[in-house]
Amino acid sequence: EQGHYRQALNFARQWSTWPDRSLKHCFKTVVAEC
């Protein structure tokens, strides 16, 4: 919403490296949000 598209992509990648997380799950939460 703030237009920070590259920052959002980088956040998703880094968030997904933590235990019990994944890029797939991250994508699901974004889709569900919309």
PDB file of all heavy atoms in Angstrom:
ATOM      1  N   GLU A   1       0.829  -1.212   0.000  1.00  0.00           N
ATOM      2  CA  GLU A   1       0.000   0.000   0.000  1.00  0.00           C
ATOM      3  C   GLU A   1       0.864   1.262   0.000  1.00  0.00           C
ATOM      4  O   GLU A   1       0.418   2.318  -0.442  1.00  0.00           O
ATOM      5  CB  GLU A   1      -0.938  -0.007   1.209  1.00  0.00           C
ATOM      6  CG  GLU A   1      -2.064  -1.033   1.088  1.00  0.00           C
ATOM      7  CD  GLU A   1      -2.990  -1.036   2.291  1.00  0.00           C
ATOM      8  OE1 GLU A   1      -2.596  -0.532   3.368  1.00  0.00           O
ATOM      9  OE2 GLU A   1      -4.115  -1.562   2.170  1.00  0.00           O
ATOM     10  N   GLN A   2       2.069   1.133   0.505  1.00  0.00           N
ATOM     11  CA  GLN A   2       2.988   2.277   0.513  1.00  0.00           C
ATOM     12  C   GLN A   2       3.860   2.325  -0.734  1.00  0.00           C
ATOM     13  O   GLN A   2       4.704   3.219  -0.873  1.00  0.00           O
ATOM     14  CB  GLN A   2       3.874   2.215   1.767  1.00  0.00           C
ATOM     15  CG  GLN A   2       3.103   2.384   3.069  1.00  0.00           C
ATOM     16  CD  GLN A   2       3.963   2.094   4.293  1.00  0.00           C
ATOM     17  OE1 GLN A   2       4.761   1.159   4.309  1.00  0.00           O
ATOM     18  NE2 GLN A   2       3.823   2.929   5.316  1.00  0.00           N
ATOM     19  N   GLY A   3       3.661   1.363  -1.638  1.00  0.00           N
ATOM     20  CA  GLY A   3       4.431   1.323  -2.875  1.00  0.00           C
ATOM     21  C   GLY A   3       5.822   0.750  -2.736  1.00  0.00           C
ATOM     22  O   GLY A   3       6.664   0.895  -3.633  1.00  0.00           O
ATOM     23  N   HIS A   4       6.094   0.057  -1.623  1.00  0.00           N
ATOM     24  CA  HIS A   4       7.420  -0.514  -1.374  1.00  0.00           C
ATOM     25  C   HIS A   4       7.454  -1.967  -1.869  1.00  0.00           C
ATOM     26  O   HIS A   4       7.545  -2.911  -1.080  1.00  0.00           O
ATOM     27  CB  HIS A   4       7.757  -0.444   0.117  1.00  0.00           C
ATOM     28  CG  HIS A   4       7.770   0.950   0.658  1.00  0.00           C
ATOM     29  ND1 HIS A   4       7.542   1.249   1.991  1.00  0.00           N
ATOM     30  CD2 HIS A   4       7.978   2.149   0.048  1.00  0.00           C
ATOM     31  CE1 HIS A   4       7.610   2.570   2.173  1.00  0.00           C
ATOM     32  NE2 HIS A   4       7.877   3.121   1.003  1.00  0.00           N
ATOM     33  N   TYR A   5       7.395  -2.156  -3.166  1.00  0.00           N
ATOM     34  CA  TYR A   5       7.253  -3.491  -3.733  1.00  0.00           C
ATOM     35  C   TYR A   5       8.520  -4.340  -3.567  1.00  0.00           C
ATOM     36  O   TYR A   5       8.445  -5.515  -3.194  1.00  0.00           O
ATOM     37  CB  TYR A   5       6.887  -3.374  -5.222  1.00  0.00           C
ATOM     38  CG  TYR A   5       5.633  -2.556  -5.451  1.00  0.00           C
ATOM     39  CD1 TYR A   5       5.694  -1.325  -6.101  1.00  0.00           C
ATOM     40  CD2 TYR A   5       4.402  -2.999  -4.985  1.00  0.00           C
ATOM     41  CE1 TYR A   5       4.549  -0.565  -6.293  1.00  0.00           C
ATOM     42  CE2 TYR A   5       3.242  -2.252  -5.169  1.00  0.00           C
ATOM     43  CZ  TYR A   5       3.330  -1.028  -5.818  1.00  0.00           C
ATOM     44  OH  TYR A   5       2.190  -0.286  -5.981  1.00  0.00           O
ATOM     45  N   ARG A   6       9.668  -3.770  -3.840  1.00  0.00           N
ATOM     46  CA  ARG A   6      10.917  -4.522  -3.686  1.00  0.00           C
ATOM     47  C   ARG A   6      11.163  -4.872  -2.219  1.00  0.00           C
ATOM     48  O   ARG A   6      11.600  -5.971  -1.887  1.00  0.00           O
ATOM     49  CB  ARG A   6      12.086  -3.715  -4.244  1.00  0.00           C
ATOM     50  CG  ARG A   6      13.423  -4.457  -4.144  1.00  0.00           C
ATOM     51  CD  ARG A   6      14.534  -3.701  -4.835  1.00  0.00           C
ATOM     52  NE  ARG A   6      14.303  -3.632  -6.281  1.00  0.00           N
ATOM     53  CZ  ARG A   6      15.118  -3.015  -7.115  1.00  0.00           C
ATOM     54  NH1 ARG A   6      16.214  -2.401  -6.659  1.00  0.00           N
ATOM     55  NH2 ARG A   6      14.860  -3.003  -8.405  1.00  0.00           N
ATOM     56  N   GLN A   7      10.839  -3.938  -1.327  1.00  0.00           N
ATOM     57  CA  GLN A   7      10.993  -4.183   0.112  1.00  0.00           C
ATOM     58  C   GLN A   7      10.085  -5.324   0.548  1.00  0.00           C
ATOM     59  O   GLN A   7      10.471  -6.175   1.352  1.00  0.00           O
ATOM     60  CB  GLN A   7      10.654  -2.907   0.880  1.00  0.00           C
ATOM     61  CG  GLN A   7      10.886  -3.003   2.390  1.00  0.00           C
ATOM     62  CD  GLN A   7      10.528  -1.704   3.095  1.00  0.00           C
ATOM     63  OE1 GLN A   7      10.256  -0.682   2.461  1.00  0.00           O
ATOM     64  NE2 GLN A   7      10.520  -1.742   4.412  1.00  0.00           N
ATOM     65  N   ALA A   8       8.873  -5.364   0.007  1.00  0.00           N
ATOM     66  CA  ALA A   8       7.930  -6.432   0.349  1.00  0.00           C
ATOM     67  C   ALA A   8       8.456  -7.787  -0.097  1.00  0.00           C
ATOM     68  O   ALA A   8       8.369  -8.786   0.628  1.00  0.00           O
ATOM     69  CB  ALA A   8       6.570  -6.154  -0.294  1.00  0.00           C
ATOM     70  N   LEU A   9       9.028  -7.845  -1.303  1.00  0.00           N
ATOM     71  CA  LEU A   9       9.584  -9.099  -1.816  1.00  0.00           C
ATOM     72  C   LEU A   9      10.770  -9.559  -0.978  1.00  0.00           C
ATOM     73  O   LEU A   9      10.884 -10.743  -0.623  1.00  0.00           O
ATOM     74  CB  LEU A   9      10.004  -8.921  -3.273  1.00  0.00           C
ATOM     75  CG  LEU A   9      10.582 -10.163  -3.969  1.00  0.00           C
ATOM     76  CD1 LEU A   9       9.575 -11.309  -3.950  1.00  0.00           C
ATOM     77  CD2 LEU A   9      10.996  -9.827  -5.391  1.00  0.00           C
ATOM     78  N   ASN A  10      11.631  -8.639  -0.618  1.00  0.00           N
ATOM     79  CA  ASN A  10      12.783  -8.986   0.215  1.00  0.00           C
ATOM     80  C   ASN A  10      12.354  -9.473   1.594  1.00  0.00           C
ATOM     81  O   ASN A  10      12.926 -10.411   2.151  1.00  0.00           O
ATOM     82  CB  ASN A  10      13.726  -7.784   0.352  1.00  0.00           C
ATOM     83  CG  ASN A  10      14.485  -7.480  -0.927  1.00  0.00           C
ATOM     84  OD1 ASN A  10      14.677  -8.375  -1.752  1.00  0.00           O
ATOM     85  ND2 ASN A  10      14.904  -6.235  -1.097  1.00  0.00           N
ATOM     86  N   PHE A  11      11.337  -8.820   2.152  1.00  0.00           N
ATOM     87  CA  PHE A  11      10.812  -9.240   3.456  1.00  0.00           C
ATOM     88  C   PHE A  11      10.290 -10.671   3.369  1.00  0.00           C
ATOM     89  O   PHE A  11      10.572 -11.501   4.246  1.00  0.00           O
ATOM     90  CB  PHE A  11       9.700  -8.297   3.912  1.00  0.00           C
ATOM     91  CG  PHE A  11       8.966  -8.786   5.139  1.00  0.00           C
ATOM     92  CD1 PHE A  11       9.475  -8.551   6.406  1.00  0.00           C
ATOM     93  CD2 PHE A  11       7.769  -9.487   5.019  1.00  0.00           C
ATOM     94  CE1 PHE A  11       8.807  -9.011   7.546  1.00  0.00           C
ATOM     95  CE2 PHE A  11       7.101  -9.942   6.146  1.00  0.00           C
ATOM     96  CZ  PHE A  11       7.623  -9.705   7.406  1.00  0.00           C
ATOM     97  N   ALA A  12       9.514 -10.965   2.310  1.00  0.00           N
ATOM     98  CA  ALA A  12       8.949 -12.309   2.156  1.00  0.00           C
ATOM     99  C   ALA A  12      10.050 -13.359   2.090  1.00  0.00           C
ATOM    100  O   ALA A  12       9.956 -14.430   2.717  1.00  0.00           O
ATOM    101  CB  ALA A  12       8.087 -12.369   0.894  1.00  0.00           C
ATOM    102  N   ARG A  13      11.107 -13.066   1.372  1.00  0.00           N
ATOM    103  CA  ARG A  13      12.217 -14.021   1.258  1.00  0.00           C
ATOM    104  C   ARG A  13      12.908 -14.248   2.594  1.00  0.00           C
ATOM    105  O   ARG A  13      13.189 -15.388   2.988  1.00  0.00           O
ATOM    106  CB  ARG A  13      13.228 -13.502   0.235  1.00  0.00           C
ATOM    107  CG  ARG A  13      12.753 -13.601  -1.214  1.00  0.00           C
ATOM    108  CD  ARG A  13      13.703 -12.878  -2.141  1.00  0.00           C
ATOM    109  NE  ARG A  13      13.351 -13.052  -3.551  1.00  0.00           N
ATOM    110  CZ  ARG A  13      13.785 -12.270  -4.526  1.00  0.00           C
ATOM    111  NH1 ARG A  13      14.612 -11.259  -4.241  1.00  0.00           N
ATOM    112  NH2 ARG A  13      13.417 -12.491  -5.768  1.00  0.00           N
ATOM    113  N   GLN A  14      13.164 -13.164   3.318  1.00  0.00           N
ATOM    114  CA  GLN A  14      13.873 -13.303   4.593  1.00  0.00           C
ATOM    115  C   GLN A  14      12.985 -13.911   5.667  1.00  0.00           C
ATOM    116  O   GLN A  14      13.432 -14.735   6.470  1.00  0.00           O
ATOM    117  CB  GLN A  14      14.407 -11.933   5.037  1.00  0.00           C
ATOM    118  CG  GLN A  14      15.492 -11.395   4.114  1.00  0.00           C
ATOM    119  CD  GLN A  14      16.140 -10.144   4.678  1.00  0.00           C
ATOM    120  OE1 GLN A  14      16.812 -10.178   5.711  1.00  0.00           O
ATOM    121  NE2 GLN A  14      15.944  -9.017   3.999  1.00  0.00           N
ATOM    122  N   TRP A  15      11.727 -13.513   5.690  1.00  0.00           N
ATOM    123  CA  TRP A  15      10.776 -14.077   6.655  1.00  0.00           C
ATOM    124  C   TRP A  15      10.710 -15.593   6.493  1.00  0.00           C
ATOM    125  O   TRP A  15      10.637 -16.342   7.476  1.00  0.00           O
ATOM    126  CB  TRP A  15       9.398 -13.450   6.434  1.00  0.00           C
ATOM    127  CG  TRP A  15       8.327 -13.976   7.347  1.00  0.00           C
ATOM    128  CD1 TRP A  15       7.963 -13.479   8.563  1.00  0.00           C
ATOM    129  CD2 TRP A  15       7.471 -15.110   7.112  1.00  0.00           C
ATOM    130  NE1 TRP A  15       6.944 -14.229   9.106  1.00  0.00           N
ATOM    131  CE2 TRP A  15       6.628 -15.245   8.236  1.00  0.00           C
ATOM    132  CE3 TRP A  15       7.343 -16.027   6.069  1.00  0.00           C
ATOM    133  CZ2 TRP A  15       5.666 -16.236   8.345  1.00  0.00           C
ATOM    134  CZ3 TRP A  15       6.385 -17.037   6.182  1.00  0.00           C
ATOM    135  CH2 TRP A  15       5.565 -17.139   7.304  1.00  0.00           C
ATOM    136  N   SER A  16      10.743 -16.059   5.258  1.00  0.00           N
ATOM    137  CA  SER A  16      10.553 -17.481   4.956  1.00  0.00           C
ATOM    138  C   SER A  16      11.713 -18.361   5.377  1.00  0.00           C
ATOM    139  O   SER A  16      11.585 -19.590   5.394  1.00  0.00           O
ATOM    140  CB  SER A  16      10.306 -17.657   3.453  1.00  0.00           C
ATOM    141  OG  SER A  16       9.174 -16.924   3.033  1.00  0.00           O
ATOM    142  N   THR A  17      12.853 -17.780   5.721  1.00  0.00           N
ATOM    143  CA  THR A  17      14.018 -18.582   6.116  1.00  0.00           C
ATOM    144  C   THR A  17      13.957 -19.034   7.573  1.00  0.00           C
ATOM    145  O   THR A  17      14.763 -19.864   7.992  1.00  0.00           O
ATOM    146  CB  THR A  17      15.325 -17.791   5.901  1.00  0.00           C
ATOM    147  OG1 THR A  17      15.327 -16.636   6.754  1.00  0.00           O
ATOM    148  CG2 THR A  17      15.464 -17.358   4.441  1.00  0.00           C
ATOM    149  N   TRP A  18      13.010 -18.516   8.333  1.00  0.00           N
ATOM    150  CA  TRP A  18      12.903 -18.888   9.744  1.00  0.00           C
ATOM    151  C   TRP A  18      12.255 -20.261   9.885  1.00  0.00           C
ATOM    152  O   TRP A  18      11.528 -20.718   8.997  1.00  0.00           O
ATOM    153  CB  TRP A  18      12.089 -17.841  10.506  1.00  0.00           C
ATOM    154  CG  TRP A  18      12.820 -16.554  10.715  1.00  0.00           C
ATOM    155  CD1 TRP A  18      13.296 -15.715   9.750  1.00  0.00           C
ATOM    156  CD2 TRP A  18      13.148 -15.949  11.970  1.00  0.00           C
ATOM    157  NE1 TRP A  18      13.914 -14.626  10.317  1.00  0.00           N
ATOM    158  CE2 TRP A  18      13.830 -14.740  11.680  1.00  0.00           C
ATOM    159  CE3 TRP A  18      12.939 -16.289  13.294  1.00  0.00           C
ATOM    160  CZ2 TRP A  18      14.301 -13.900  12.687  1.00  0.00           C
ATOM    161  CZ3 TRP A  18      13.399 -15.450  14.298  1.00  0.00           C
ATOM    162  CH2 TRP A  18      14.081 -14.271  13.982  1.00  0.00           C
ATOM    163  N   PRO A  19      12.462 -20.957  11.032  1.00  0.00           N
ATOM    164  CA  PRO A  19      11.863 -22.286  11.239  1.00  0.00           C
ATOM    165  C   PRO A  19      10.333 -22.247  11.140  1.00  0.00           C
ATOM    166  O   PRO A  19       9.693 -21.272  11.548  1.00  0.00           O
ATOM    167  CB  PRO A  19      12.313 -22.651  12.668  1.00  0.00           C
ATOM    168  CG  PRO A  19      13.554 -21.854  12.885  1.00  0.00           C
ATOM    169  CD  PRO A  19      13.353 -20.569  12.140  1.00  0.00           C
ATOM    170  N   ASP A  20       9.772 -23.316  10.598  1.00  0.00           N
ATOM    171  CA  ASP A  20       8.319 -23.482  10.464  1.00  0.00           C
ATOM    172  C   ASP A  20       7.674 -22.401   9.607  1.00  0.00           C
ATOM    173  O   ASP A  20       6.499 -22.057   9.792  1.00  0.00           O
ATOM    174  CB  ASP A  20       7.645 -23.521  11.849  1.00  0.00           C
ATOM    175  CG  ASP A  20       8.098 -24.719  12.658  1.00  0.00           C
ATOM    176  OD1 ASP A  20       8.269 -25.801  12.068  1.00  0.00           O
ATOM    177  OD2 ASP A  20       8.291 -24.566  13.881  1.00  0.00           O
ATOM    178  N   ARG A  21       8.443 -21.811   8.707  1.00  0.00           N
ATOM    179  CA  ARG A  21       7.902 -20.842   7.760  1.00  0.00           C
ATOM    180  C   ARG A  21       8.319 -21.271   6.357  1.00  0.00           C
ATOM    181  O   ARG A  21       9.236 -22.069   6.186  1.00  0.00           O
ATOM    182  CB  ARG A  21       8.428 -19.433   8.043  1.00  0.00           C
ATOM    183  CG  ARG A  21       8.147 -18.903   9.441  1.00  0.00           C
ATOM    184  CD  ARG A  21       8.715 -17.498   9.579  1.00  0.00           C
ATOM    185  NE  ARG A  21       8.675 -16.994  10.951  1.00  0.00           N
ATOM    186  CZ  ARG A  21       9.173 -15.827  11.324  1.00  0.00           C
ATOM    187  NH1 ARG A  21       9.750 -15.035  10.424  1.00  0.00           N
ATOM    188  NH2 ARG A  21       9.104 -15.419  12.581  1.00  0.00           N
ATOM    189  N   SER A  22       7.654 -20.732   5.365  1.00  0.00           N
ATOM    190  CA  SER A  22       8.018 -21.028   3.984  1.00  0.00           C
ATOM    191  C   SER A  22       7.511 -19.915   3.087  1.00  0.00           C
ATOM    192  O   SER A  22       6.569 -19.189   3.448  1.00  0.00           O
ATOM    193  CB  SER A  22       7.427 -22.365   3.526  1.00  0.00           C
ATOM    194  OG  SER A  22       6.011 -22.264   3.421  1.00  0.00           O
ATOM    195  N   LEU A  23       8.117 -19.796   1.919  1.00  0.00           N
ATOM    196  CA  LEU A  23       7.679 -18.791   0.960  1.00  0.00           C
ATOM    197  C   LEU A  23       6.253 -19.093   0.493  1.00  0.00           C
ATOM    198  O   LEU A  23       5.455 -18.178   0.271  1.00  0.00           O
ATOM    199  CB  LEU A  23       8.633 -18.762  -0.234  1.00  0.00           C
ATOM    200  CG  LEU A  23       8.662 -17.476  -1.070  1.00  0.00           C
ATOM    201  CD1 LEU A  23       8.950 -16.248  -0.207  1.00  0.00           C
ATOM    202  CD2 LEU A  23       9.704 -17.596  -2.175  1.00  0.00           C
ATOM    203  N   LYS A  24       5.926 -20.384   0.392  1.00  0.00           N
ATOM    204  CA  LYS A  24       4.575 -20.781  -0.002  1.00  0.00           C
ATOM    205  C   LYS A  24       3.546 -20.299   1.003  1.00  0.00           C
ATOM    206  O   LYS A  24       2.504 -19.735   0.642  1.00  0.00           O
ATOM    207  CB  LYS A  24       4.503 -22.307  -0.139  1.00  0.00           C
ATOM    208  CG  LYS A  24       3.123 -22.827  -0.529  1.00  0.00           C
ATOM    209  CD  LYS A  24       3.134 -24.353  -0.607  1.00  0.00           C
ATOM    210  CE  LYS A  24       1.745 -24.888  -0.930  1.00  0.00           C
ATOM    211  NZ  LYS A  24       1.730 -26.383  -0.994  1.00  0.00           N
ATOM    212  N   HIS A  25       3.834 -20.508   2.292  1.00  0.00           N
ATOM    213  CA  HIS A  25       2.900 -20.062   3.326  1.00  0.00           C
ATOM    214  C   HIS A  25       2.790 -18.542   3.323  1.00  0.00           C
ATOM    215  O   HIS A  25       1.696 -17.984   3.503  1.00  0.00           O
ATOM    216  CB  HIS A  25       3.341 -20.549   4.697  1.00  0.00           C
ATOM    217  CG  HIS A  25       2.466 -20.082   5.816  1.00  0.00           C
ATOM    218  ND1 HIS A  25       1.179 -20.529   5.983  1.00  0.00           N
ATOM    219  CD2 HIS A  25       2.678 -19.168   6.808  1.00  0.00           C
ATOM    220  CE1 HIS A  25       0.629 -19.924   7.024  1.00  0.00           C
ATOM    221  NE2 HIS A  25       1.519 -19.097   7.542  1.00  0.00           N
ATOM    222  N   CYS A  26       3.907 -17.876   3.132  1.00  0.00           N
ATOM    223  CA  CYS A  26       3.898 -16.417   3.082  1.00  0.00           C
ATOM    224  C   CYS A  26       2.996 -15.930   1.948  1.00  0.00           C
ATOM    225  O   CYS A  26       2.179 -15.021   2.126  1.00  0.00           O
ATOM    226  CB  CYS A  26       5.319 -15.901   2.883  1.00  0.00           C
ATOM    227  SG  CYS A  26       5.471 -14.107   2.982  1.00  0.00           S
ATOM    228  N   PHE A  27       3.125 -16.565   0.780  1.00  0.00           N
ATOM    229  CA  PHE A  27       2.301 -16.206  -0.369  1.00  0.00           C
ATOM    230  C   PHE A  27       0.819 -16.418  -0.057  1.00  0.00           C
ATOM    231  O   PHE A  27      -0.029 -15.591  -0.404  1.00  0.00           O
ATOM    232  CB  PHE A  27       2.719 -17.044  -1.578  1.00  0.00           C
ATOM    233  CG  PHE A  27       1.873 -16.815  -2.796  1.00  0.00           C
ATOM    234  CD1 PHE A  27       1.977 -15.622  -3.521  1.00  0.00           C
ATOM    235  CD2 PHE A  27       0.973 -17.775  -3.224  1.00  0.00           C
ATOM    236  CE1 PHE A  27       1.189 -15.399  -4.641  1.00  0.00           C
ATOM    237  CE2 PHE A  27       0.187 -17.561  -4.345  1.00  0.00           C
ATOM    238  CZ  PHE A  27       0.296 -16.371  -5.057  1.00  0.00           C
ATOM    239  N   LYS A  28       0.504 -17.531   0.624  1.00  0.00           N
ATOM    240  CA  LYS A  28      -0.886 -17.811   0.989  1.00  0.00           C
ATOM    241  C   LYS A  28      -1.470 -16.711   1.868  1.00  0.00           C
ATOM    242  O   LYS A  28      -2.621 -16.310   1.704  1.00  0.00           O
ATOM    243  CB  LYS A  28      -0.978 -19.154   1.725  1.00  0.00           C
ATOM    244  CG  LYS A  28      -0.941 -20.373   0.836  1.00  0.00           C
ATOM    245  CD  LYS A  28      -1.144 -21.620   1.698  1.00  0.00           C
ATOM    246  CE  LYS A  28      -1.181 -22.866   0.849  1.00  0.00           C
ATOM    247  NZ  LYS A  28      -1.400 -24.081   1.684  1.00  0.00           N
ATOM    248  N   THR A  29      -0.679 -16.235   2.827  1.00  0.00           N
ATOM    249  CA  THR A  29      -1.194 -15.202   3.724  1.00  0.00           C
ATOM    250  C   THR A  29      -1.459 -13.895   2.983  1.00  0.00           C
ATOM    251  O   THR A  29      -2.404 -13.178   3.305  1.00  0.00           O
ATOM    252  CB  THR A  29      -0.221 -14.936   4.892  1.00  0.00           C
ATOM    253  OG1 THR A  29       1.000 -14.372   4.394  1.00  0.00           O
ATOM    254  CG2 THR A  29       0.067 -16.199   5.681  1.00  0.00           C
ATOM    255  N   VAL A  30      -0.634 -13.599   1.989  1.00  0.00           N
ATOM    256  CA  VAL A  30      -0.836 -12.376   1.210  1.00  0.00           C
ATOM    257  C   VAL A  30      -2.086 -12.502   0.347  1.00  0.00           C
ATOM    258  O   VAL A  30      -2.904 -11.573   0.275  1.00  0.00           O
ATOM    259  CB  VAL A  30       0.396 -12.073   0.332  1.00  0.00           C
ATOM    260  CG1 VAL A  30       0.132 -10.858  -0.551  1.00  0.00           C
ATOM    261  CG2 VAL A  30       1.622 -11.829   1.202  1.00  0.00           C
ATOM    262  N   VAL A  31      -2.263 -13.656  -0.291  1.00  0.00           N
ATOM    263  CA  VAL A  31      -3.451 -13.876  -1.126  1.00  0.00           C
ATOM    264  C   VAL A  31      -4.707 -13.813  -0.271  1.00  0.00           C
ATOM    265  O   VAL A  31      -5.708 -13.182  -0.643  1.00  0.00           O
ATOM    266  CB  VAL A  31      -3.358 -15.238  -1.857  1.00  0.00           C
ATOM    267  CG1 VAL A  31      -4.672 -15.564  -2.555  1.00  0.00           C
ATOM    268  CG2 VAL A  31      -2.216 -15.220  -2.855  1.00  0.00           C
ATOM    269  N   ALA A  32      -4.674 -14.467   0.905  1.00  0.00           N
ATOM    270  CA  ALA A  32      -5.831 -14.444   1.801  1.00  0.00           C
ATOM    271  C   ALA A  32      -6.155 -13.023   2.246  1.00  0.00           C
ATOM    272  O   ALA A  32      -7.320 -12.667   2.428  1.00  0.00           O
ATOM    273  CB  ALA A  32      -5.568 -15.332   3.019  1.00  0.00           C
ATOM    274  N   GLU A  33      -5.126 -12.229   2.403  1.00  0.00           N
ATOM    275  CA  GLU A  33      -5.311 -10.848   2.830  1.00  0.00           C
ATOM    276  C   GLU A  33      -6.062 -10.036   1.772  1.00  0.00           C
ATOM    277  O   GLU A  33      -6.795  -9.100   2.095  1.00  0.00           O
ATOM    278  CB  GLU A  33      -3.937 -10.219   3.095  1.00  0.00           C
ATOM    279  CG  GLU A  33      -3.966  -8.840   3.688  1.00  0.00           C
ATOM    280  CD  GLU A  33      -4.641  -8.794   5.043  1.00  0.00           C
ATOM    281  OE1 GLU A  33      -4.601  -9.785   5.779  1.00  0.00           O
ATOM    282  OE2 GLU A  33      -5.239  -7.743   5.356  1.00  0.00           O
ATOM    283  N   CYS A  34      -5.889 -10.408   0.529  1.00  0.00           N
ATOM    284  CA  CYS A  34      -6.499  -9.656  -0.578  1.00  0.00           C
ATOM    285  C   CYS A  34      -7.813 -10.272  -1.044  1.00  0.00           C
ATOM    286  O   CYS A  34      -8.509  -9.677  -1.883  1.00  0.00           O
ATOM    287  CB  CYS A  34      -5.527  -9.588  -1.759  1.00  0.00           C
ATOM    288  SG  CYS A  34      -3.961  -8.770  -1.353  1.00  0.00           S
TER     289      CYS A  34
END
